[in-house]
Amino acid sequence: MRIKKNIFILIAALSFLGCGPYSFTGATDVPETFQVNFFQNNAPLIEPGIDFLFRNTLQDLLQNQTNSTLVTSGAVAIFDGEIVEYRISPTTATANNRAAQNRLTIGVNVRYTHTENEEKSFEQRFSFFFDYEGDALLTGSRRDTAIETIYERITQDIFQAAFADW
């Protein structure tokens, strides 16, 4: 009976080892350290504070979805860039030529530098949008929800581009 128990434990241990590391985020090559530099707001329409919010959102996502350490300099993975678009535009109109629905679009140009493997480095533009009622103002909690929704999607796309081999 003891031999069967030992064989079972050995098989179970080998099964777990054979699977190797797996991440539900799709990340396959996450460096030990990362840094997120300031993203200057260069959009034609300036919305105060969205640059700091973007940096914090990207840092939080990387800290929550990786075991990497956030550093202020000398990182293996370095993210920097600028916010290049903050635009509100009508998407549909009513019979009275009024906006039935508006769209907030935010675009971010990202430079990702992998200091140990230059082939993984890239520069790419990421953008996403949030639609809201045409007669509503984009202020207060509606504005906050819109920006959070957009940044959640953009930072996930950046994460996938940097760390996932999809």
N, C-alpha and C. Protein backbone atom coordinates (compact mmCIF):
# COMPACT_ATOMS: atom_id res chain seq x y z
N MET A 1 0.82 -1.19 0.00
CA MET A 1 0.00 0.00 0.00
C MET A 1 0.87 1.26 0.00
N ARG A 2 1.96 1.22 0.73
CA ARG A 2 2.85 2.38 0.81
C ARG A 2 3.50 2.65 -0.54
N ILE A 3 3.79 1.64 -1.31
CA ILE A 3 4.39 1.81 -2.64
C ILE A 3 3.40 2.51 -3.56
N LYS A 4 2.13 2.13 -3.51
CA LYS A 4 1.11 2.77 -4.35
C LYS A 4 0.99 4.26 -4.01
N LYS A 5 1.04 4.55 -2.71
CA LYS A 5 0.94 5.94 -2.28
C LYS A 5 2.13 6.75 -2.78
N ASN A 6 3.33 6.21 -2.70
CA ASN A 6 4.53 6.90 -3.17
C ASN A 6 4.51 7.09 -4.68
N ILE A 7 4.03 6.08 -5.40
CA ILE A 7 3.93 6.19 -6.86
C ILE A 7 2.93 7.27 -7.24
N PHE A 8 1.79 7.32 -6.52
CA PHE A 8 0.79 8.34 -6.79
C PHE A 8 1.37 9.74 -6.55
N ILE A 9 2.07 9.93 -5.45
CA ILE A 9 2.68 11.23 -5.14
C ILE A 9 3.70 11.60 -6.21
N LEU A 10 4.51 10.64 -6.65
CA LEU A 10 5.51 10.90 -7.69
C LEU A 10 4.83 11.31 -9.00
N ILE A 11 3.78 10.61 -9.39
CA ILE A 11 3.07 10.93 -10.63
C ILE A 11 2.43 12.32 -10.53
N ALA A 12 1.82 12.61 -9.40
CA ALA A 12 1.19 13.92 -9.21
C ALA A 12 2.23 15.04 -9.28
N ALA A 13 3.37 14.83 -8.64
CA ALA A 13 4.43 15.85 -8.66
C ALA A 13 4.95 16.05 -10.07
N LEU A 14 5.17 14.99 -10.81
CA LEU A 14 5.66 15.10 -12.19
C LEU A 14 4.63 15.77 -13.09
N SER A 15 3.35 15.53 -12.81
CA SER A 15 2.30 16.18 -13.62
C SER A 15 2.35 17.68 -13.47
N PHE A 16 2.50 18.14 -12.23
CA PHE A 16 2.55 19.59 -12.00
C PHE A 16 3.82 20.20 -12.57
N LEU A 17 4.91 19.51 -12.48
CA LEU A 17 6.16 20.02 -13.03
C LEU A 17 6.13 20.05 -14.54
N GLY A 18 5.47 19.09 -15.15
CA GLY A 18 5.41 19.01 -16.60
C GLY A 18 4.61 20.12 -17.23
N CYS A 19 3.70 20.67 -16.48
CA CYS A 19 2.87 21.75 -17.02
C CYS A 19 3.66 23.03 -17.18
N GLY A 20 4.66 23.24 -16.38
CA GLY A 20 5.46 24.46 -16.47
C GLY A 20 4.68 25.65 -15.99
N PRO A 21 5.30 26.82 -16.01
CA PRO A 21 4.59 28.01 -15.54
C PRO A 21 3.50 28.41 -16.52
N TYR A 22 2.38 28.82 -15.98
CA TYR A 22 1.28 29.25 -16.83
C TYR A 22 0.68 30.51 -16.22
N SER A 23 0.29 31.40 -17.07
CA SER A 23 -0.31 32.64 -16.60
C SER A 23 -1.65 32.82 -17.30
N PHE A 24 -2.68 33.15 -16.53
CA PHE A 24 -3.99 33.39 -17.11
C PHE A 24 -4.05 34.70 -17.87
N THR A 25 -3.03 35.53 -17.73
CA THR A 25 -2.99 36.80 -18.45
C THR A 25 -2.43 36.63 -19.85
N GLY A 26 -1.85 35.48 -20.14
CA GLY A 26 -1.23 35.26 -21.44
C GLY A 26 0.22 35.70 -21.49
N ALA A 27 0.74 36.19 -20.38
CA ALA A 27 2.12 36.66 -20.33
C ALA A 27 3.06 35.47 -20.37
N THR A 28 4.03 35.54 -21.27
CA THR A 28 4.98 34.44 -21.41
C THR A 28 6.40 34.85 -21.09
N ASP A 29 6.73 36.11 -21.20
CA ASP A 29 8.09 36.56 -20.97
C ASP A 29 8.07 37.89 -20.23
N VAL A 30 7.90 37.79 -18.91
CA VAL A 30 7.80 38.99 -18.10
C VAL A 30 9.15 39.25 -17.42
N PRO A 31 9.75 40.41 -17.66
CA PRO A 31 11.03 40.73 -17.05
C PRO A 31 10.93 40.90 -15.53
N GLU A 32 12.07 40.85 -14.86
CA GLU A 32 12.10 40.98 -13.41
C GLU A 32 11.73 42.39 -12.95
N THR A 33 12.10 43.41 -13.72
CA THR A 33 11.84 44.78 -13.33
C THR A 33 11.20 45.56 -14.47
N PHE A 34 10.41 46.56 -14.11
CA PHE A 34 9.83 47.45 -15.12
C PHE A 34 9.75 48.85 -14.55
N GLN A 35 9.70 49.81 -15.46
CA GLN A 35 9.47 51.20 -15.07
C GLN A 35 8.51 51.82 -16.06
N VAL A 36 7.67 52.70 -15.56
CA VAL A 36 6.71 53.43 -16.39
C VAL A 36 7.04 54.90 -16.23
N ASN A 37 7.57 55.48 -17.28
CA ASN A 37 7.92 56.90 -17.26
C ASN A 37 6.66 57.74 -17.46
N PHE A 38 6.80 59.04 -17.24
CA PHE A 38 5.68 59.96 -17.40
C PHE A 38 5.23 60.00 -18.86
N PHE A 39 3.93 59.96 -19.09
CA PHE A 39 3.35 60.06 -20.42
C PHE A 39 2.82 61.48 -20.58
N GLN A 40 3.55 62.30 -21.32
CA GLN A 40 3.18 63.70 -21.55
C GLN A 40 1.85 63.77 -22.31
N ASN A 41 0.99 64.68 -21.91
CA ASN A 41 -0.28 64.87 -22.59
C ASN A 41 -0.08 65.85 -23.74
N ASN A 42 0.05 65.33 -24.96
CA ASN A 42 0.24 66.15 -26.16
C ASN A 42 -1.00 66.18 -27.05
N ALA A 43 -2.13 65.79 -26.52
CA ALA A 43 -3.36 65.79 -27.31
C ALA A 43 -3.77 67.22 -27.64
N PRO A 44 -4.39 67.44 -28.79
CA PRO A 44 -4.84 68.80 -29.14
C PRO A 44 -5.84 69.37 -28.13
N LEU A 45 -6.68 68.51 -27.55
CA LEU A 45 -7.61 68.91 -26.51
C LEU A 45 -7.06 68.38 -25.19
N ILE A 46 -6.66 69.28 -24.30
CA ILE A 46 -6.02 68.88 -23.04
C ILE A 46 -7.07 68.69 -21.95
N GLU A 47 -7.06 67.52 -21.37
CA GLU A 47 -7.89 67.24 -20.20
C GLU A 47 -6.94 67.06 -19.02
N PRO A 48 -6.97 67.95 -18.06
CA PRO A 48 -6.00 67.91 -16.96
C PRO A 48 -6.06 66.60 -16.16
N GLY A 49 -4.88 66.10 -15.82
CA GLY A 49 -4.77 64.95 -14.95
C GLY A 49 -4.79 63.59 -15.60
N ILE A 50 -5.14 63.53 -16.89
CA ILE A 50 -5.23 62.20 -17.50
C ILE A 50 -3.86 61.58 -17.72
N ASP A 51 -2.81 62.39 -17.77
CA ASP A 51 -1.46 61.86 -17.93
C ASP A 51 -1.02 61.09 -16.68
N PHE A 52 -1.25 61.67 -15.51
CA PHE A 52 -0.90 60.99 -14.26
C PHE A 52 -1.76 59.74 -14.06
N LEU A 53 -3.04 59.85 -14.39
CA LEU A 53 -3.95 58.72 -14.25
C LEU A 53 -3.53 57.57 -15.16
N PHE A 54 -3.10 57.89 -16.39
CA PHE A 54 -2.68 56.83 -17.30
C PHE A 54 -1.45 56.11 -16.74
N ARG A 55 -0.46 56.86 -16.31
CA ARG A 55 0.75 56.26 -15.76
C ARG A 55 0.42 55.35 -14.58
N ASN A 56 -0.41 55.83 -13.67
CA ASN A 56 -0.79 55.03 -12.50
C ASN A 56 -1.57 53.78 -12.89
N THR A 57 -2.45 53.90 -13.88
CA THR A 57 -3.24 52.75 -14.33
C THR A 57 -2.34 51.69 -14.93
N LEU A 58 -1.36 52.09 -15.75
CA LEU A 58 -0.44 51.14 -16.35
C LEU A 58 0.44 50.49 -15.28
N GLN A 59 0.94 51.27 -14.35
CA GLN A 59 1.75 50.72 -13.26
C GLN A 59 0.95 49.70 -12.44
N ASP A 60 -0.28 50.05 -12.10
CA ASP A 60 -1.11 49.15 -11.31
C ASP A 60 -1.37 47.84 -12.03
N LEU A 61 -1.67 47.92 -13.31
CA LEU A 61 -1.93 46.71 -14.08
C LEU A 61 -0.69 45.80 -14.11
N LEU A 62 0.47 46.39 -14.37
CA LEU A 62 1.70 45.60 -14.43
C LEU A 62 2.03 44.99 -13.07
N GLN A 63 1.80 45.71 -12.00
CA GLN A 63 2.06 45.17 -10.68
C GLN A 63 1.07 44.07 -10.32
N ASN A 64 -0.18 44.20 -10.73
CA ASN A 64 -1.20 43.22 -10.39
C ASN A 64 -1.14 41.96 -11.24
N GLN A 65 -0.64 42.06 -12.47
CA GLN A 65 -0.66 40.90 -13.36
C GLN A 65 0.70 40.26 -13.58
N THR A 66 1.73 40.76 -12.91
CA THR A 66 3.05 40.16 -13.03
C THR A 66 3.71 40.08 -11.66
N ASN A 67 4.82 39.38 -11.60
CA ASN A 67 5.64 39.35 -10.39
C ASN A 67 6.81 40.32 -10.52
N SER A 68 6.78 41.16 -11.52
CA SER A 68 7.84 42.13 -11.76
C SER A 68 7.85 43.19 -10.67
N THR A 69 9.02 43.77 -10.49
CA THR A 69 9.19 44.83 -9.50
C THR A 69 9.22 46.18 -10.20
N LEU A 70 8.44 47.11 -9.70
CA LEU A 70 8.43 48.47 -10.22
C LEU A 70 9.66 49.20 -9.70
N VAL A 71 10.45 49.77 -10.60
CA VAL A 71 11.63 50.55 -10.23
C VAL A 71 11.55 51.90 -10.94
N THR A 72 12.36 52.85 -10.47
CA THR A 72 12.34 54.18 -11.07
C THR A 72 13.44 54.37 -12.12
N SER A 73 14.42 53.46 -12.16
CA SER A 73 15.46 53.53 -13.18
C SER A 73 16.14 52.18 -13.29
N GLY A 74 16.77 51.95 -14.43
CA GLY A 74 17.53 50.73 -14.65
C GLY A 74 16.70 49.48 -14.84
N ALA A 75 15.46 49.61 -15.28
CA ALA A 75 14.58 48.46 -15.46
C ALA A 75 14.89 47.70 -16.74
N VAL A 76 14.50 46.45 -16.77
CA VAL A 76 14.61 45.64 -17.98
C VAL A 76 13.54 46.07 -18.98
N ALA A 77 12.32 46.32 -18.50
CA ALA A 77 11.21 46.75 -19.34
C ALA A 77 10.88 48.20 -19.03
N ILE A 78 10.93 49.04 -20.06
CA ILE A 78 10.69 50.47 -19.88
C ILE A 78 9.54 50.90 -20.79
N PHE A 79 8.53 51.54 -20.19
CA PHE A 79 7.39 52.06 -20.93
C PHE A 79 7.44 53.58 -20.87
N ASP A 80 7.34 54.22 -22.02
CA ASP A 80 7.19 55.67 -22.06
C ASP A 80 6.45 56.05 -23.33
N GLY A 81 6.09 57.31 -23.43
CA GLY A 81 5.34 57.76 -24.60
C GLY A 81 4.57 59.02 -24.29
N GLU A 82 3.48 59.21 -25.02
CA GLU A 82 2.67 60.40 -24.84
C GLU A 82 1.22 60.12 -25.20
N ILE A 83 0.34 60.89 -24.58
CA ILE A 83 -1.07 60.85 -24.93
C ILE A 83 -1.22 61.76 -26.15
N VAL A 84 -1.68 61.21 -27.25
CA VAL A 84 -1.71 61.95 -28.51
C VAL A 84 -3.13 62.30 -28.96
N GLU A 85 -4.13 61.73 -28.30
CA GLU A 85 -5.50 62.02 -28.72
C GLU A 85 -6.44 62.01 -27.52
N TYR A 86 -7.23 63.04 -27.43
CA TYR A 86 -8.35 63.13 -26.50
C TYR A 86 -9.41 63.87 -27.29
N ARG A 87 -10.40 63.13 -27.78
CA ARG A 87 -11.34 63.73 -28.74
C ARG A 87 -12.76 63.31 -28.41
N ILE A 88 -13.67 64.25 -28.45
CA ILE A 88 -15.09 63.98 -28.29
C ILE A 88 -15.74 64.26 -29.63
N SER A 89 -16.47 63.28 -30.14
CA SER A 89 -17.10 63.45 -31.46
C SER A 89 -18.47 62.77 -31.46
N PRO A 90 -19.41 63.31 -32.24
CA PRO A 90 -20.72 62.66 -32.35
C PRO A 90 -20.59 61.38 -33.19
N THR A 91 -21.33 60.35 -32.77
CA THR A 91 -21.30 59.10 -33.55
C THR A 91 -22.59 58.86 -34.30
N THR A 92 -23.71 59.32 -33.73
CA THR A 92 -24.99 59.21 -34.42
C THR A 92 -25.76 60.51 -34.22
N ALA A 93 -26.65 60.79 -35.13
CA ALA A 93 -27.41 62.04 -35.07
C ALA A 93 -28.91 61.76 -35.03
N THR A 94 -29.64 62.72 -34.49
CA THR A 94 -31.10 62.63 -34.47
C THR A 94 -31.64 63.29 -35.74
N ALA A 95 -32.94 63.27 -35.89
CA ALA A 95 -33.58 63.90 -37.05
C ALA A 95 -33.38 65.42 -37.02
N ASN A 96 -33.12 65.98 -35.85
CA ASN A 96 -32.92 67.42 -35.70
C ASN A 96 -31.45 67.81 -35.83
N ASN A 97 -30.65 66.95 -36.39
CA ASN A 97 -29.21 67.18 -36.54
C ASN A 97 -28.50 67.45 -35.21
N ARG A 98 -28.95 66.77 -34.19
CA ARG A 98 -28.28 66.81 -32.88
C ARG A 98 -27.64 65.46 -32.64
N ALA A 99 -26.59 65.48 -31.83
CA ALA A 99 -25.90 64.22 -31.53
C ALA A 99 -26.78 63.35 -30.63
N ALA A 100 -27.07 62.15 -31.10
CA ALA A 100 -27.80 61.19 -30.27
C ALA A 100 -26.83 60.45 -29.37
N GLN A 101 -25.61 60.35 -29.83
CA GLN A 101 -24.58 59.66 -29.06
C GLN A 101 -23.23 60.29 -29.36
N ASN A 102 -22.43 60.48 -28.33
CA ASN A 102 -21.08 61.01 -28.48
C ASN A 102 -20.07 59.93 -28.13
N ARG A 103 -18.88 60.15 -28.58
CA ARG A 103 -17.79 59.19 -28.33
C ARG A 103 -16.56 59.94 -27.86
N LEU A 104 -16.02 59.50 -26.72
CA LEU A 104 -14.73 59.97 -26.25
C LEU A 104 -13.69 58.96 -26.71
N THR A 105 -12.67 59.44 -27.41
CA THR A 105 -11.58 58.58 -27.87
C THR A 105 -10.28 59.10 -27.28
N ILE A 106 -9.50 58.18 -26.73
CA ILE A 106 -8.18 58.53 -26.20
C ILE A 106 -7.16 57.64 -26.91
N GLY A 107 -6.09 58.27 -27.39
CA GLY A 107 -5.02 57.55 -28.05
C GLY A 107 -3.70 57.80 -27.36
N VAL A 108 -2.90 56.75 -27.21
CA VAL A 108 -1.62 56.83 -26.52
C VAL A 108 -0.55 56.21 -27.39
N ASN A 109 0.53 56.96 -27.62
CA ASN A 109 1.69 56.43 -28.33
C ASN A 109 2.64 55.84 -27.28
N VAL A 110 2.98 54.57 -27.43
CA VAL A 110 3.80 53.87 -26.42
C VAL A 110 5.10 53.40 -27.05
N ARG A 111 6.19 53.68 -26.33
CA ARG A 111 7.48 53.11 -26.67
C ARG A 111 7.84 52.12 -25.58
N TYR A 112 7.97 50.87 -25.98
CA TYR A 112 8.35 49.82 -25.04
C TYR A 112 9.78 49.40 -25.38
N THR A 113 10.64 49.48 -24.38
CA THR A 113 12.03 49.10 -24.57
C THR A 113 12.34 47.93 -23.66
N HIS A 114 12.79 46.84 -24.25
CA HIS A 114 13.25 45.68 -23.50
C HIS A 114 14.77 45.73 -23.57
N THR A 115 15.41 46.09 -22.48
CA THR A 115 16.85 46.37 -22.49
C THR A 115 17.70 45.12 -22.70
N GLU A 116 17.15 43.94 -22.48
CA GLU A 116 17.92 42.70 -22.65
C GLU A 116 17.67 42.01 -23.98
N ASN A 117 16.61 42.40 -24.68
CA ASN A 117 16.28 41.78 -25.96
C ASN A 117 15.60 42.82 -26.84
N GLU A 118 16.39 43.51 -27.63
CA GLU A 118 15.92 44.63 -28.46
C GLU A 118 14.80 44.20 -29.44
N GLU A 119 14.77 42.93 -29.82
CA GLU A 119 13.73 42.46 -30.76
C GLU A 119 12.33 42.57 -30.17
N LYS A 120 12.23 42.59 -28.85
CA LYS A 120 10.92 42.69 -28.20
C LYS A 120 10.46 44.13 -28.05
N SER A 121 11.33 45.07 -28.29
CA SER A 121 10.98 46.49 -28.17
C SER A 121 10.07 46.91 -29.32
N PHE A 122 9.22 47.89 -29.06
CA PHE A 122 8.32 48.39 -30.12
C PHE A 122 7.89 49.80 -29.80
N GLU A 123 7.36 50.47 -30.82
CA GLU A 123 6.65 51.73 -30.67
C GLU A 123 5.33 51.57 -31.39
N GLN A 124 4.23 51.84 -30.68
CA GLN A 124 2.91 51.57 -31.25
C GLN A 124 1.88 52.51 -30.64
N ARG A 125 0.87 52.82 -31.41
CA ARG A 125 -0.23 53.66 -30.94
C ARG A 125 -1.37 52.76 -30.51
N PHE A 126 -1.92 53.04 -29.33
CA PHE A 126 -3.06 52.31 -28.79
C PHE A 126 -4.18 53.31 -28.55
N SER A 127 -5.41 52.92 -28.87
CA SER A 127 -6.53 53.82 -28.60
C SER A 127 -7.78 52.99 -28.32
N PHE A 128 -8.70 53.64 -27.66
CA PHE A 128 -9.99 53.03 -27.39
C PHE A 128 -10.99 54.16 -27.17
N PHE A 129 -12.28 53.82 -27.05
CA PHE A 129 -13.33 54.83 -26.98
C PHE A 129 -14.38 54.45 -25.95
N PHE A 130 -15.20 55.43 -25.64
CA PHE A 130 -16.33 55.25 -24.74
C PHE A 130 -17.49 56.06 -25.31
N ASP A 131 -18.64 55.41 -25.53
CA ASP A 131 -19.82 56.09 -26.06
C ASP A 131 -20.75 56.49 -24.92
N TYR A 132 -21.39 57.65 -25.07
CA TYR A 132 -22.34 58.12 -24.07
C TYR A 132 -23.42 58.94 -24.77
N GLU A 133 -24.52 59.17 -24.07
CA GLU A 133 -25.67 59.87 -24.63
C GLU A 133 -25.29 61.27 -25.11
N GLY A 134 -25.87 61.66 -26.23
CA GLY A 134 -25.54 62.93 -26.84
C GLY A 134 -25.97 64.15 -26.04
N ASP A 135 -27.01 64.00 -25.23
CA ASP A 135 -27.46 65.15 -24.45
C ASP A 135 -26.79 65.21 -23.07
N ALA A 136 -25.89 64.30 -22.79
CA ALA A 136 -25.21 64.28 -21.50
C ALA A 136 -23.86 64.99 -21.60
N LEU A 137 -23.47 65.63 -20.51
CA LEU A 137 -22.16 66.26 -20.44
C LEU A 137 -21.15 65.25 -19.92
N LEU A 138 -19.96 65.31 -20.45
CA LEU A 138 -18.90 64.41 -20.01
C LEU A 138 -18.16 65.06 -18.83
N THR A 139 -18.79 64.99 -17.67
CA THR A 139 -18.23 65.58 -16.46
C THR A 139 -18.44 64.62 -15.30
N GLY A 140 -17.74 64.88 -14.21
CA GLY A 140 -17.95 64.13 -12.97
C GLY A 140 -17.74 62.65 -13.11
N SER A 141 -18.66 61.89 -12.56
CA SER A 141 -18.51 60.43 -12.55
C SER A 141 -18.60 59.82 -13.95
N ARG A 142 -19.37 60.45 -14.84
CA ARG A 142 -19.45 59.94 -16.22
C ARG A 142 -18.08 60.06 -16.89
N ARG A 143 -17.41 61.17 -16.70
CA ARG A 143 -16.07 61.38 -17.25
C ARG A 143 -15.09 60.36 -16.65
N ASP A 144 -15.15 60.20 -15.33
CA ASP A 144 -14.25 59.27 -14.66
C ASP A 144 -14.47 57.84 -15.16
N THR A 145 -15.72 57.43 -15.29
CA THR A 145 -16.04 56.09 -15.80
C THR A 145 -15.53 55.91 -17.21
N ALA A 146 -15.72 56.92 -18.05
CA ALA A 146 -15.27 56.85 -19.44
C ALA A 146 -13.75 56.66 -19.52
N ILE A 147 -13.02 57.47 -18.78
CA ILE A 147 -11.56 57.41 -18.82
C ILE A 147 -11.06 56.09 -18.24
N GLU A 148 -11.66 55.65 -17.13
CA GLU A 148 -11.26 54.37 -16.54
C GLU A 148 -11.50 53.21 -17.50
N THR A 149 -12.64 53.21 -18.18
CA THR A 149 -12.97 52.16 -19.14
C THR A 149 -11.97 52.15 -20.29
N ILE A 150 -11.66 53.31 -20.81
CA ILE A 150 -10.71 53.42 -21.91
C ILE A 150 -9.32 52.99 -21.48
N TYR A 151 -8.86 53.47 -20.33
CA TYR A 151 -7.52 53.12 -19.85
C TYR A 151 -7.40 51.64 -19.52
N GLU A 152 -8.47 51.04 -19.01
CA GLU A 152 -8.44 49.60 -18.73
C GLU A 152 -8.16 48.81 -20.02
N ARG A 153 -8.82 49.19 -21.08
CA ARG A 153 -8.63 48.49 -22.36
C ARG A 153 -7.25 48.78 -22.96
N ILE A 154 -6.84 50.04 -22.96
CA ILE A 154 -5.55 50.40 -23.54
C ILE A 154 -4.41 49.73 -22.80
N THR A 155 -4.45 49.75 -21.46
CA THR A 155 -3.35 49.14 -20.70
C THR A 155 -3.31 47.63 -20.89
N GLN A 156 -4.46 46.99 -21.02
CA GLN A 156 -4.48 45.54 -21.31
C GLN A 156 -3.85 45.27 -22.68
N ASP A 157 -4.16 46.10 -23.66
CA ASP A 157 -3.58 45.94 -24.99
C ASP A 157 -2.07 46.14 -24.96
N ILE A 158 -1.60 47.11 -24.18
CA ILE A 158 -0.16 47.34 -24.03
C ILE A 158 0.50 46.14 -23.37
N PHE A 159 -0.12 45.64 -22.33
CA PHE A 159 0.39 44.45 -21.62
C PHE A 159 0.53 43.28 -22.58
N GLN A 160 -0.51 43.03 -23.36
CA GLN A 160 -0.48 41.91 -24.31
C GLN A 160 0.61 42.11 -25.36
N ALA A 161 0.76 43.32 -25.85
CA ALA A 161 1.78 43.59 -26.88
C ALA A 161 3.19 43.40 -26.32
N ALA A 162 3.39 43.74 -25.06
CA ALA A 162 4.73 43.68 -24.46
C ALA A 162 5.09 42.28 -23.98
N PHE A 163 4.13 41.57 -23.39
CA PHE A 163 4.48 40.36 -22.67
C PHE A 163 3.84 39.07 -23.19
N ALA A 164 2.94 39.14 -24.13
CA ALA A 164 2.27 37.92 -24.60
C ALA A 164 2.67 37.64 -26.05
N ASP A 165 2.89 36.39 -26.34
CA ASP A 165 3.23 35.98 -27.71
C ASP A 165 1.99 35.46 -28.42
N TRP A 166 1.00 36.33 -28.58
CA TRP A 166 -0.25 35.93 -29.24
C TRP A 166 -0.19 36.27 -30.69
